[in-house]
């Protein structure tokens, strides 16, 4: 694995949403002084498809794709003053995205999520789902078509799981790097009063820690209602003009096996605001792994030296 430098992977398939994702990446890349790597995957063809395409035809297609990608990279680099490179790989889409991200030790993968109104298109595509569940770096999915270029307001949904501390550290790292405000939000699970609830006490402690680290923080706790929690969070995010919602995958008994929980799944599917998804750190690997996931910009490591 290469020495960590700021690199952002942007898988591109030339559909509108992937081009929007590339456009949105420049805001984060500017802040991070990062290199953007445009990644195009040539999917492995099956036997039937190969019967109608010879080697020469495939070579011409690849050359045309490479030329278009290089033109796009050059124009993006010239227009925004950012280093932009191109990689073309062949194989299963999600496998190649994950492989390249690991090979370059990427800080982020930023993916466009196509919005289809009917059928299975309403749900996370299998490639996106695999990447989110298995990526060793945070994944940002872009669904909407209009976004702010900065990360001024970060929405952090909290619950009573043990991963709250990890979520908060991630948010602090982002907040410090992007000069953002953090908006913690949760929904009560029962009829208990807000001030007597455990989640309210946890949010107050987290708020104090965040503000001690120099990041502005607000907390909002909603009463339980017939409205699904994810709808409450998305509406709140729109109301405060959020730029990013942070969620985390769940962890099964084997630390390498993660899945997208129902709440995160709905947020990713339905939010027009970009969603950052992170996997939990490995509890068996200690601080080395925790630093990779909990401190995506290496801020705390730098401060501790």
C-alpha atoms as a PDB file:
ATOM      1  CA  UNK A   1       0.000   0.000   0.000  1.00  0.00           C
ATOM      2  CA  UNK A   2       1.336   3.432  -0.929  1.00  0.00           C
ATOM      3  CA  UNK A   3       2.260   6.150   1.531  1.00  0.00           C
ATOM      4  CA  UNK A   4      -0.839   8.146   2.383  1.00  0.00           C
ATOM      5  CA  UNK A   5      -1.277  11.298   0.383  1.00  0.00           C
ATOM      6  CA  UNK A   6      -4.494  13.129  -0.184  1.00  0.00           C
ATOM      7  CA  UNK A   7      -6.213  11.282  -3.008  1.00  0.00           C
ATOM      8  CA  UNK A   8      -9.904  11.162  -3.835  1.00  0.00           C
ATOM      9  CA  UNK A   9     -11.316   8.431  -6.077  1.00  0.00           C
ATOM     10  CA  UNK A  10     -14.216   9.436  -8.330  1.00  0.00           C
ATOM     11  CA  UNK A  11     -15.685   6.492 -10.294  1.00  0.00           C
ATOM     12  CA  UNK A  12     -17.021   7.827 -13.596  1.00  0.00           C
ATOM     13  CA  UNK A  13     -19.376   6.229 -16.103  1.00  0.00           C
ATOM     14  CA  UNK A  14     -20.283   9.436 -18.015  1.00  0.00           C
ATOM     15  CA  UNK A  15     -23.848   9.402 -16.705  1.00  0.00           C
ATOM     16  CA  UNK A  16     -25.023  12.766 -15.425  1.00  0.00           C
ATOM     17  CA  UNK A  17     -24.797  11.884 -11.738  1.00  0.00           C
ATOM     18  CA  UNK A  18     -21.188  10.709 -11.936  1.00  0.00           C
ATOM     19  CA  UNK A  19     -20.253  13.956 -13.701  1.00  0.00           C
ATOM     20  CA  UNK A  20     -22.036  15.906 -10.952  1.00  0.00           C
ATOM     21  CA  UNK A  21     -20.047  13.923  -8.385  1.00  0.00           C
ATOM     22  CA  UNK A  22     -16.821  14.917 -10.148  1.00  0.00           C
ATOM     23  CA  UNK A  23     -17.892  18.556 -10.137  1.00  0.00           C
ATOM     24  CA  UNK A  24     -18.746  18.401  -6.431  1.00  0.00           C
ATOM     25  CA  UNK A  25     -15.433  16.734  -5.593  1.00  0.00           C
ATOM     26  CA  UNK A  26     -13.498  19.877  -6.407  1.00  0.00           C
ATOM     27  CA  UNK A  27     -14.811  21.620  -3.274  1.00  0.00           C
ATOM     28  CA  UNK A  28     -13.420  18.924  -0.985  1.00  0.00           C
ATOM     29  CA  UNK A  29     -10.261  18.571  -3.087  1.00  0.00           C
ATOM     30  CA  UNK A  30      -9.523  22.280  -2.762  1.00  0.00           C
ATOM     31  CA  UNK A  31      -9.807  22.169   1.015  1.00  0.00           C
ATOM     32  CA  UNK A  32      -7.668  19.050   1.246  1.00  0.00           C
ATOM     33  CA  UNK A  33      -5.202  20.030  -1.501  1.00  0.00           C
ATOM     34  CA  UNK A  34      -5.949  16.593  -2.838  1.00  0.00           C
ATOM     35  CA  UNK A  35      -5.409  14.841  -6.129  1.00  0.00           C
ATOM     36  CA  UNK A  36      -8.562  13.677  -7.879  1.00  0.00           C
ATOM     37  CA  UNK A  37      -8.316  10.275  -9.532  1.00  0.00           C
ATOM     38  CA  UNK A  38     -11.002   9.730 -12.159  1.00  0.00           C
ATOM     39  CA  UNK A  39     -11.609   5.988 -12.320  1.00  0.00           C
ATOM     40  CA  UNK A  40     -13.319   4.307 -15.255  1.00  0.00           C
ATOM     41  CA  UNK A  41     -14.132   0.596 -15.052  1.00  0.00           C
ATOM     42  CA  UNK A  42     -14.513  -1.512 -18.169  1.00  0.00           C
ATOM     43  CA  UNK A  43     -16.833  -4.248 -17.024  1.00  0.00           C
ATOM     44  CA  UNK A  44     -15.831  -7.807 -17.838  1.00  0.00           C
ATOM     45  CA  UNK A  45     -17.887  -9.010 -20.790  1.00  0.00           C
ATOM     46  CA  UNK A  46     -19.745 -12.279 -20.849  1.00  0.00           C
ATOM     47  CA  UNK A  47     -19.369 -14.974 -23.536  1.00  0.00           C
ATOM     48  CA  UNK A  48     -22.345 -13.747 -25.597  1.00  0.00           C
ATOM     49  CA  UNK A  49     -21.088 -10.150 -25.668  1.00  0.00           C
ATOM     50  CA  UNK A  50     -17.578 -11.235 -26.647  1.00  0.00           C
ATOM     51  CA  UNK A  51     -18.971 -12.986 -29.740  1.00  0.00           C
ATOM     52  CA  UNK A  52     -19.961  -9.623 -31.193  1.00  0.00           C
ATOM     53  CA  UNK A  53     -16.812  -7.686 -30.306  1.00  0.00           C
ATOM     54  CA  UNK A  54     -13.323  -8.529 -31.509  1.00  0.00           C
ATOM     55  CA  UNK A  55     -10.053  -7.378 -30.007  1.00  0.00           C
ATOM     56  CA  UNK A  56      -9.629  -4.490 -32.415  1.00  0.00           C
ATOM     57  CA  UNK A  57     -13.099  -3.098 -31.681  1.00  0.00           C
ATOM     58  CA  UNK A  58     -12.488  -3.282 -27.947  1.00  0.00           C
ATOM     59  CA  UNK A  59      -9.142  -1.529 -28.344  1.00  0.00           C
ATOM     60  CA  UNK A  60     -10.773   1.333 -30.257  1.00  0.00           C
ATOM     61  CA  UNK A  61     -13.460   1.696 -27.599  1.00  0.00           C
ATOM     62  CA  UNK A  62     -10.836   1.825 -24.839  1.00  0.00           C
ATOM     63  CA  UNK A  63      -8.788   4.412 -26.752  1.00  0.00           C
ATOM     64  CA  UNK A  64     -11.873   6.589 -27.258  1.00  0.00           C
ATOM     65  CA  UNK A  65     -12.794   6.320 -23.572  1.00  0.00           C
ATOM     66  CA  UNK A  66      -9.225   7.131 -22.506  1.00  0.00           C
ATOM     67  CA  UNK A  67      -9.109  10.196 -24.741  1.00  0.00           C
ATOM     68  CA  UNK A  68     -12.402  11.495 -23.383  1.00  0.00           C
ATOM     69  CA  UNK A  69     -11.315  10.896 -19.777  1.00  0.00           C
ATOM     70  CA  UNK A  70      -7.981  12.645 -20.314  1.00  0.00           C
ATOM     71  CA  UNK A  71      -9.735  15.639 -21.886  1.00  0.00           C
ATOM     72  CA  UNK A  72     -12.100  15.798 -18.918  1.00  0.00           C
ATOM     73  CA  UNK A  73      -9.207  15.508 -16.454  1.00  0.00           C
ATOM     74  CA  UNK A  74      -7.223  18.232 -18.238  1.00  0.00           C
ATOM     75  CA  UNK A  75     -10.165  20.643 -18.332  1.00  0.00           C
ATOM     76  CA  UNK A  76     -10.993  19.990 -14.659  1.00  0.00           C
ATOM     77  CA  UNK A  77      -7.374  20.509 -13.640  1.00  0.00           C
ATOM     78  CA  UNK A  78      -6.991  23.694 -15.687  1.00  0.00           C
ATOM     79  CA  UNK A  79     -10.303  25.197 -14.583  1.00  0.00           C
ATOM     80  CA  UNK A  80      -9.908  24.552 -10.860  1.00  0.00           C
ATOM     81  CA  UNK A  81      -6.142  24.355 -10.385  1.00  0.00           C
ATOM     82  CA  UNK A  82      -6.234  20.802  -9.039  1.00  0.00           C
ATOM     83  CA  UNK A  83      -4.113  17.765  -9.867  1.00  0.00           C
ATOM     84  CA  UNK A  84      -6.360  15.320 -11.733  1.00  0.00           C
ATOM     85  CA  UNK A  85      -5.304  11.938 -13.097  1.00  0.00           C
ATOM     86  CA  UNK A  86      -7.049   9.077 -14.885  1.00  0.00           C
ATOM     87  CA  UNK A  87      -7.107   5.347 -14.230  1.00  0.00           C
ATOM     88  CA  UNK A  88      -8.825   2.741 -16.388  1.00  0.00           C
ATOM     89  CA  UNK A  89      -9.345  -0.729 -14.985  1.00  0.00           C
ATOM     90  CA  UNK A  90     -11.182  -3.817 -16.152  1.00  0.00           C
ATOM     91  CA  UNK A  91     -13.297  -6.162 -14.052  1.00  0.00           C
ATOM     92  CA  UNK A  92     -16.206  -6.008 -11.649  1.00  0.00           C
ATOM     93  CA  UNK A  93     -17.002  -2.395 -10.908  1.00  0.00           C
ATOM     94  CA  UNK A  94     -17.118  -2.487  -7.112  1.00  0.00           C
ATOM     95  CA  UNK A  95     -14.077  -4.786  -6.857  1.00  0.00           C
ATOM     96  CA  UNK A  96     -11.956  -2.450  -8.959  1.00  0.00           C
ATOM     97  CA  UNK A  97     -13.117   0.652  -7.093  1.00  0.00           C
ATOM     98  CA  UNK A  98     -12.167  -0.948  -3.778  1.00  0.00           C
ATOM     99  CA  UNK A  99      -8.852  -2.231  -5.140  1.00  0.00           C
ATOM    100  CA  UNK A 100      -7.770   1.132  -6.550  1.00  0.00           C
ATOM    101  CA  UNK A 101      -8.834   2.942  -3.376  1.00  0.00           C
ATOM    102  CA  UNK A 102      -6.688   0.558  -1.312  1.00  0.00           C
ATOM    103  CA  UNK A 103      -3.756   0.723  -3.757  1.00  0.00           C
ATOM    104  CA  UNK A 104      -3.543   4.525  -3.555  1.00  0.00           C
ATOM    105  CA  UNK A 105      -4.647   4.657   0.111  1.00  0.00           C
ATOM    106  CA  UNK A 106      -7.469   7.028  -0.793  1.00  0.00           C
ATOM    107  CA  UNK A 107      -8.914   9.507   1.682  1.00  0.00           C
ATOM    108  CA  UNK A 108     -12.355   9.313   0.100  1.00  0.00           C
ATOM    109  CA  UNK A 109     -14.388   7.633  -2.598  1.00  0.00           C
ATOM    110  CA  UNK A 110     -16.988  10.015  -4.023  1.00  0.00           C
ATOM    111  CA  UNK A 111     -19.708   8.353  -6.102  1.00  0.00           C
ATOM    112  CA  UNK A 112     -22.692   9.661  -8.001  1.00  0.00           C
ATOM    113  CA  UNK A 113     -25.923   7.830  -7.229  1.00  0.00           C
ATOM    114  CA  UNK A 114     -28.332   7.727 -10.171  1.00  0.00           C
ATOM    115  CA  UNK A 115     -31.906   8.666  -9.314  1.00  0.00           C
ATOM    116  CA  UNK A 116     -34.471   6.368 -10.916  1.00  0.00           C
ATOM    117  CA  UNK A 117     -38.082   6.754  -9.844  1.00  0.00           C
ATOM    118  CA  UNK A 118     -39.354   3.273 -10.481  1.00  0.00           C
ATOM    119  CA  UNK A 119     -38.473  -0.321  -9.786  1.00  0.00           C
ATOM    120  CA  UNK A 120     -35.211  -1.376  -8.201  1.00  0.00           C
ATOM    121  CA  UNK A 121     -33.614   1.907  -9.219  1.00  0.00           C
ATOM    122  CA  UNK A 122     -35.093   3.451  -6.090  1.00  0.00           C
ATOM    123  CA  UNK A 123     -32.671   1.434  -4.009  1.00  0.00           C
ATOM    124  CA  UNK A 124     -28.921   1.514  -3.640  1.00  0.00           C
ATOM    125  CA  UNK A 125     -27.340  -0.186  -6.639  1.00  0.00           C
ATOM    126  CA  UNK A 126     -25.316  -3.298  -5.935  1.00  0.00           C
ATOM    127  CA  UNK A 127     -22.010  -1.640  -6.866  1.00  0.00           C
ATOM    128  CA  UNK A 128     -22.620   1.316  -4.551  1.00  0.00           C
ATOM    129  CA  UNK A 129     -23.829  -0.988  -1.787  1.00  0.00           C
ATOM    130  CA  UNK A 130     -20.725  -3.190  -2.031  1.00  0.00           C
ATOM    131  CA  UNK A 131     -18.384  -0.208  -2.055  1.00  0.00           C
ATOM    132  CA  UNK A 132     -20.046   1.401   0.976  1.00  0.00           C
ATOM    133  CA  UNK A 133     -20.053  -1.840   2.968  1.00  0.00           C
ATOM    134  CA  UNK A 134     -16.472  -2.869   2.210  1.00  0.00           C
ATOM    135  CA  UNK A 135     -14.492   0.332   1.677  1.00  0.00           C
ATOM    136  CA  UNK A 136     -11.571   1.029   3.988  1.00  0.00           C
ATOM    137  CA  UNK A 137     -12.079   4.776   3.559  1.00  0.00           C
ATOM    138  CA  UNK A 138     -15.186   6.969   3.890  1.00  0.00           C
ATOM    139  CA  UNK A 139     -17.562   6.945   0.915  1.00  0.00           C
ATOM    140  CA  UNK A 140     -19.563  10.011  -0.090  1.00  0.00           C
ATOM    141  CA  UNK A 141     -22.609   9.409  -2.277  1.00  0.00           C
ATOM    142  CA  UNK A 142     -23.992  12.253  -4.377  1.00  0.00           C
ATOM    143  CA  UNK A 143     -27.635  12.045  -5.422  1.00  0.00           C
ATOM    144  CA  UNK A 144     -28.896  15.616  -5.774  1.00  0.00           C
ATOM    145  CA  UNK A 145     -27.943  17.906  -8.626  1.00  0.00           C
ATOM    146  CA  UNK A 146     -27.265  21.172  -6.770  1.00  0.00           C
ATOM    147  CA  UNK A 147     -24.909  21.382  -3.801  1.00  0.00           C
ATOM    148  CA  UNK A 148     -22.743  23.899  -2.005  1.00  0.00           C
ATOM    149  CA  UNK A 149     -19.068  23.516  -2.796  1.00  0.00           C
ATOM    150  CA  UNK A 150     -17.959  23.749   0.831  1.00  0.00           C
ATOM    151  CA  UNK A 151     -18.853  21.689   3.887  1.00  0.00           C
ATOM    152  CA  UNK A 152     -20.265  24.383   6.153  1.00  0.00           C
ATOM    153  CA  UNK A 153     -22.908  22.349   7.991  1.00  0.00           C
ATOM    154  CA  UNK A 154     -22.521  18.684   8.933  1.00  0.00           C
ATOM    155  CA  UNK A 155     -25.504  16.715  10.238  1.00  0.00           C
ATOM    156  CA  UNK A 156     -24.578  13.980  12.679  1.00  0.00           C
ATOM    157  CA  UNK A 157     -27.444  11.598  13.578  1.00  0.00           C
ATOM    158  CA  UNK A 158     -26.772   9.933  16.932  1.00  0.00           C
ATOM    159  CA  UNK A 159     -28.202   6.916  18.719  1.00  0.00           C
ATOM    160  CA  UNK A 160     -27.350   4.915  21.837  1.00  0.00           C
ATOM    161  CA  UNK A 161     -24.885   2.522  20.207  1.00  0.00           C
ATOM    162  CA  UNK A 162     -21.278   2.213  21.329  1.00  0.00           C
ATOM    163  CA  UNK A 163     -20.100   3.817  18.083  1.00  0.00           C
ATOM    164  CA  UNK A 164     -21.228   7.314  19.117  1.00  0.00           C
ATOM    165  CA  UNK A 165     -17.710   8.291  20.211  1.00  0.00           C
ATOM    166  CA  UNK A 166     -16.306   7.244  16.846  1.00  0.00           C
ATOM    167  CA  UNK A 167     -18.957   9.210  14.956  1.00  0.00           C
ATOM    168  CA  UNK A 168     -18.210  12.294  17.023  1.00  0.00           C
ATOM    169  CA  UNK A 169     -14.456  12.056  16.399  1.00  0.00           C
ATOM    170  CA  UNK A 170     -15.086  11.781  12.663  1.00  0.00           C
ATOM    171  CA  UNK A 171     -17.329  14.841  12.789  1.00  0.00           C
ATOM    172  CA  UNK A 172     -14.764  16.837  14.792  1.00  0.00           C
ATOM    173  CA  UNK A 173     -12.040  15.924  12.293  1.00  0.00           C
ATOM    174  CA  UNK A 174     -14.211  17.093   9.406  1.00  0.00           C
ATOM    175  CA  UNK A 175     -15.350  20.188  11.266  1.00  0.00           C
ATOM    176  CA  UNK A 176     -11.785  21.258  12.023  1.00  0.00           C
ATOM    177  CA  UNK A 177     -10.640  20.624   8.479  1.00  0.00           C
ATOM    178  CA  UNK A 178     -13.518  22.364   6.710  1.00  0.00           C
ATOM    179  CA  UNK A 179     -14.286  25.008   9.349  1.00  0.00           C
ATOM    180  CA  UNK A 180     -17.776  23.519   9.664  1.00  0.00           C
ATOM    181  CA  UNK A 181     -20.549  23.570  12.237  1.00  0.00           C
ATOM    182  CA  UNK A 182     -21.873  20.235  13.510  1.00  0.00           C
ATOM    183  CA  UNK A 183     -25.603  19.688  13.975  1.00  0.00           C
ATOM    184  CA  UNK A 184     -26.265  16.629  16.145  1.00  0.00           C
ATOM    185  CA  UNK A 185     -29.763  15.227  15.838  1.00  0.00           C
ATOM    186  CA  UNK A 186     -31.693  12.265  17.188  1.00  0.00           C
ATOM    187  CA  UNK A 187     -35.244  10.962  17.611  1.00  0.00           C
ATOM    188  CA  UNK A 188     -36.578   9.649  20.904  1.00  0.00           C
ATOM    189  CA  UNK A 189     -37.517   5.969  20.887  1.00  0.00           C
ATOM    190  CA  UNK A 190     -40.377   6.205  23.394  1.00  0.00           C
ATOM    191  CA  UNK A 191     -42.540   8.498  25.481  1.00  0.00           C
ATOM    192  CA  UNK A 192     -39.828   9.603  27.933  1.00  0.00           C
ATOM    193  CA  UNK A 193     -39.261  13.344  28.244  1.00  0.00           C
ATOM    194  CA  UNK A 194     -36.356  14.809  26.309  1.00  0.00           C
ATOM    195  CA  UNK A 195     -34.421  16.117  29.293  1.00  0.00           C
ATOM    196  CA  UNK A 196     -34.624  12.760  31.114  1.00  0.00           C
ATOM    197  CA  UNK A 197     -33.615  10.619  28.140  1.00  0.00           C
ATOM    198  CA  UNK A 198     -30.239   8.889  27.883  1.00  0.00           C
ATOM    199  CA  UNK A 199     -29.738  10.119  24.327  1.00  0.00           C
ATOM    200  CA  UNK A 200     -30.128  13.743  25.425  1.00  0.00           C
ATOM    201  CA  UNK A 201     -27.471  13.265  28.108  1.00  0.00           C
ATOM    202  CA  UNK A 202     -25.190  11.637  25.549  1.00  0.00           C
ATOM    203  CA  UNK A 203     -25.727  14.482  23.069  1.00  0.00           C
ATOM    204  CA  UNK A 204     -24.887  17.094  25.715  1.00  0.00           C
ATOM    205  CA  UNK A 205     -21.622  15.307  26.553  1.00  0.00           C
ATOM    206  CA  UNK A 206     -20.752  15.030  22.880  1.00  0.00           C
ATOM    207  CA  UNK A 207     -21.554  18.711  22.325  1.00  0.00           C
ATOM    208  CA  UNK A 208     -19.207  19.717  25.123  1.00  0.00           C
ATOM    209  CA  UNK A 209     -16.381  17.602  23.684  1.00  0.00           C
ATOM    210  CA  UNK A 210     -16.914  18.960  20.165  1.00  0.00           C
ATOM    211  CA  UNK A 211     -16.896  22.574  21.328  1.00  0.00           C
ATOM    212  CA  UNK A 212     -13.790  21.957  23.465  1.00  0.00           C
ATOM    213  CA  UNK A 213     -12.063  21.053  20.208  1.00  0.00           C
ATOM    214  CA  UNK A 214     -13.059  24.363  18.644  1.00  0.00           C
ATOM    215  CA  UNK A 215     -15.959  23.233  16.459  1.00  0.00           C
ATOM    216  CA  UNK A 216     -19.373  24.950  16.760  1.00  0.00           C
ATOM    217  CA  UNK A 217     -22.101  22.455  17.668  1.00  0.00           C
ATOM    218  CA  UNK A 218     -25.886  22.438  17.955  1.00  0.00           C
ATOM    219  CA  UNK A 219     -28.154  19.667  19.221  1.00  0.00           C
ATOM    220  CA  UNK A 220     -31.730  18.826  18.253  1.00  0.00           C
ATOM    221  CA  UNK A 221     -33.869  16.062  19.724  1.00  0.00           C
ATOM    222  CA  UNK A 222     -37.229  15.207  18.173  1.00  0.00           C
ATOM    223  CA  UNK A 223     -40.125  13.459  19.850  1.00  0.00           C
ATOM    224  CA  UNK A 224     -41.119  10.078  18.479  1.00  0.00           C
ATOM    225  CA  UNK A 225     -43.899  10.326  15.889  1.00  0.00           C
ATOM    226  CA  UNK A 226     -45.471   8.389  13.034  1.00  0.00           C
ATOM    227  CA  UNK A 227     -42.934   9.937  10.672  1.00  0.00           C
ATOM    228  CA  UNK A 228     -39.988   7.575  10.025  1.00  0.00           C
ATOM    229  CA  UNK A 229     -36.745   8.666  11.672  1.00  0.00           C
ATOM    230  CA  UNK A 230     -34.910   8.989   8.366  1.00  0.00           C
ATOM    231  CA  UNK A 231     -37.541  11.412   7.068  1.00  0.00           C
ATOM    232  CA  UNK A 232     -37.194  13.519  10.215  1.00  0.00           C
ATOM    233  CA  UNK A 233     -33.411  13.655   9.781  1.00  0.00           C
ATOM    234  CA  UNK A 234     -33.567  14.486   6.068  1.00  0.00           C
ATOM    235  CA  UNK A 235     -36.110  17.281   6.616  1.00  0.00           C
ATOM    236  CA  UNK A 236     -34.015  18.717   9.454  1.00  0.00           C
ATOM    237  CA  UNK A 237     -30.930  18.585   7.230  1.00  0.00           C
ATOM    238  CA  UNK A 238     -32.751  20.532   4.533  1.00  0.00           C
ATOM    239  CA  UNK A 239     -34.057  23.056   7.065  1.00  0.00           C
ATOM    240  CA  UNK A 240     -30.546  23.952   8.262  1.00  0.00           C
ATOM    241  CA  UNK A 241     -29.095  23.923   4.726  1.00  0.00           C
ATOM    242  CA  UNK A 242     -26.749  21.030   5.498  1.00  0.00           C
ATOM    243  CA  UNK A 243     -23.916  20.145   3.148  1.00  0.00           C
ATOM    244  CA  UNK A 244     -23.263  16.637   4.429  1.00  0.00           C
ATOM    245  CA  UNK A 245     -24.971  13.912   6.470  1.00  0.00           C
ATOM    246  CA  UNK A 246     -22.685  11.436   8.242  1.00  0.00           C
ATOM    247  CA  UNK A 247     -23.820   7.847   8.805  1.00  0.00           C
ATOM    248  CA  UNK A 248     -22.046   4.616   9.685  1.00  0.00           C
ATOM    249  CA  UNK A 249     -22.462   1.030   8.549  1.00  0.00           C
ATOM    250  CA  UNK A 250     -23.141  -1.654  11.137  1.00  0.00           C
ATOM    251  CA  UNK A 251     -20.606  -4.239  12.202  1.00  0.00           C
ATOM    252  CA  UNK A 252     -21.194  -7.960  12.465  1.00  0.00           C
ATOM    253  CA  UNK A 253     -19.233 -10.448  14.591  1.00  0.00           C
ATOM    254  CA  UNK A 254     -16.407 -10.574  12.074  1.00  0.00           C
ATOM    255  CA  UNK A 255     -14.904  -7.059  11.944  1.00  0.00           C
ATOM    256  CA  UNK A 256     -14.323  -7.392   8.189  1.00  0.00           C
ATOM    257  CA  UNK A 257     -18.007  -8.007   7.508  1.00  0.00           C
ATOM    258  CA  UNK A 258     -20.187  -4.895   7.434  1.00  0.00           C
ATOM    259  CA  UNK A 259     -23.659  -4.144   6.221  1.00  0.00           C
ATOM    260  CA  UNK A 260     -25.747  -1.057   5.605  1.00  0.00           C
ATOM    261  CA  UNK A 261     -28.395  -0.716   8.300  1.00  0.00           C
ATOM    262  CA  UNK A 262     -31.977   0.244   7.458  1.00  0.00           C
ATOM    263  CA  UNK A 263     -31.607   3.832   8.670  1.00  0.00           C
ATOM    264  CA  UNK A 264     -28.393   4.490   6.711  1.00  0.00           C
ATOM    265  CA  UNK A 265     -29.870   2.713   3.684  1.00  0.00           C
ATOM    266  CA  UNK A 266     -32.881   5.035   3.629  1.00  0.00           C
ATOM    267  CA  UNK A 267     -30.760   8.150   4.172  1.00  0.00           C
ATOM    268  CA  UNK A 268     -28.446   7.224   1.285  1.00  0.00           C
ATOM    269  CA  UNK A 269     -31.376   6.398  -0.985  1.00  0.00           C
ATOM    270  CA  UNK A 270     -33.518   9.417  -0.308  1.00  0.00           C
ATOM    271  CA  UNK A 271     -31.277  12.316   0.662  1.00  0.00           C
ATOM    272  CA  UNK A 272     -30.582  14.998  -1.935  1.00  0.00           C
ATOM    273  CA  UNK A 273     -27.786  16.132   0.387  1.00  0.00           C
ATOM    274  CA  UNK A 274     -24.468  14.269   0.024  1.00  0.00           C
ATOM    275  CA  UNK A 275     -24.103  11.401   2.499  1.00  0.00           C
ATOM    276  CA  UNK A 276     -20.788  10.255   3.955  1.00  0.00           C
ATOM    277  CA  UNK A 277     -20.728   6.621   5.041  1.00  0.00           C
ATOM    278  CA  UNK A 278     -17.980   5.149   7.198  1.00  0.00           C
ATOM    279  CA  UNK A 279     -17.360   1.649   8.471  1.00  0.00           C
ATOM    280  CA  UNK A 280     -16.663   1.046  12.176  1.00  0.00           C
ATOM    281  CA  UNK A 281     -13.018   0.674  13.167  1.00  0.00           C
ATOM    282  CA  UNK A 282     -11.604  -2.733  13.975  1.00  0.00           C
ATOM    283  CA  UNK A 283     -11.871  -3.243  17.753  1.00  0.00           C
ATOM    284  CA  UNK A 284      -9.131  -5.891  17.629  1.00  0.00           C
ATOM    285  CA  UNK A 285      -6.589  -3.786  15.759  1.00  0.00           C
ATOM    286  CA  UNK A 286      -6.352  -0.916  18.211  1.00  0.00           C
ATOM    287  CA  UNK A 287      -5.293   2.661  17.549  1.00  0.00           C
ATOM    288  CA  UNK A 288      -3.674   2.018  14.175  1.00  0.00           C
ATOM    289  CA  UNK A 289      -7.001   1.163  12.553  1.00  0.00           C
ATOM    290  CA  UNK A 290      -8.988   3.619  14.636  1.00  0.00           C
ATOM    291  CA  UNK A 291      -6.826   6.496  13.399  1.00  0.00           C
ATOM    292  CA  UNK A 292      -7.502   5.552   9.780  1.00  0.00           C
ATOM    293  CA  UNK A 293     -11.274   5.622  10.172  1.00  0.00           C
ATOM    294  CA  UNK A 294     -11.827   8.043  13.020  1.00  0.00           C
ATOM    295  CA  UNK A 295      -9.444  10.734  11.799  1.00  0.00           C
ATOM    296  CA  UNK A 296      -9.801  10.842   7.992  1.00  0.00           C
ATOM    297  CA  UNK A 297      -7.571  13.910   7.667  1.00  0.00           C
ATOM    298  CA  UNK A 298      -4.886  12.921  10.195  1.00  0.00           C
ATOM    299  CA  UNK A 299      -5.662  16.049  12.223  1.00  0.00           C
ATOM    300  CA  UNK A 300      -5.385  14.520  15.678  1.00  0.00           C
ATOM    301  CA  UNK A 301      -2.205  12.691  14.740  1.00  0.00           C
ATOM    302  CA  UNK A 302      -0.608  15.954  13.647  1.00  0.00           C
ATOM    303  CA  UNK A 303      -1.665  17.764  16.788  1.00  0.00           C
ATOM    304  CA  UNK A 304      -0.271  15.063  19.014  1.00  0.00           C
ATOM    305  CA  UNK A 305       3.252  15.346  17.661  1.00  0.00           C
END
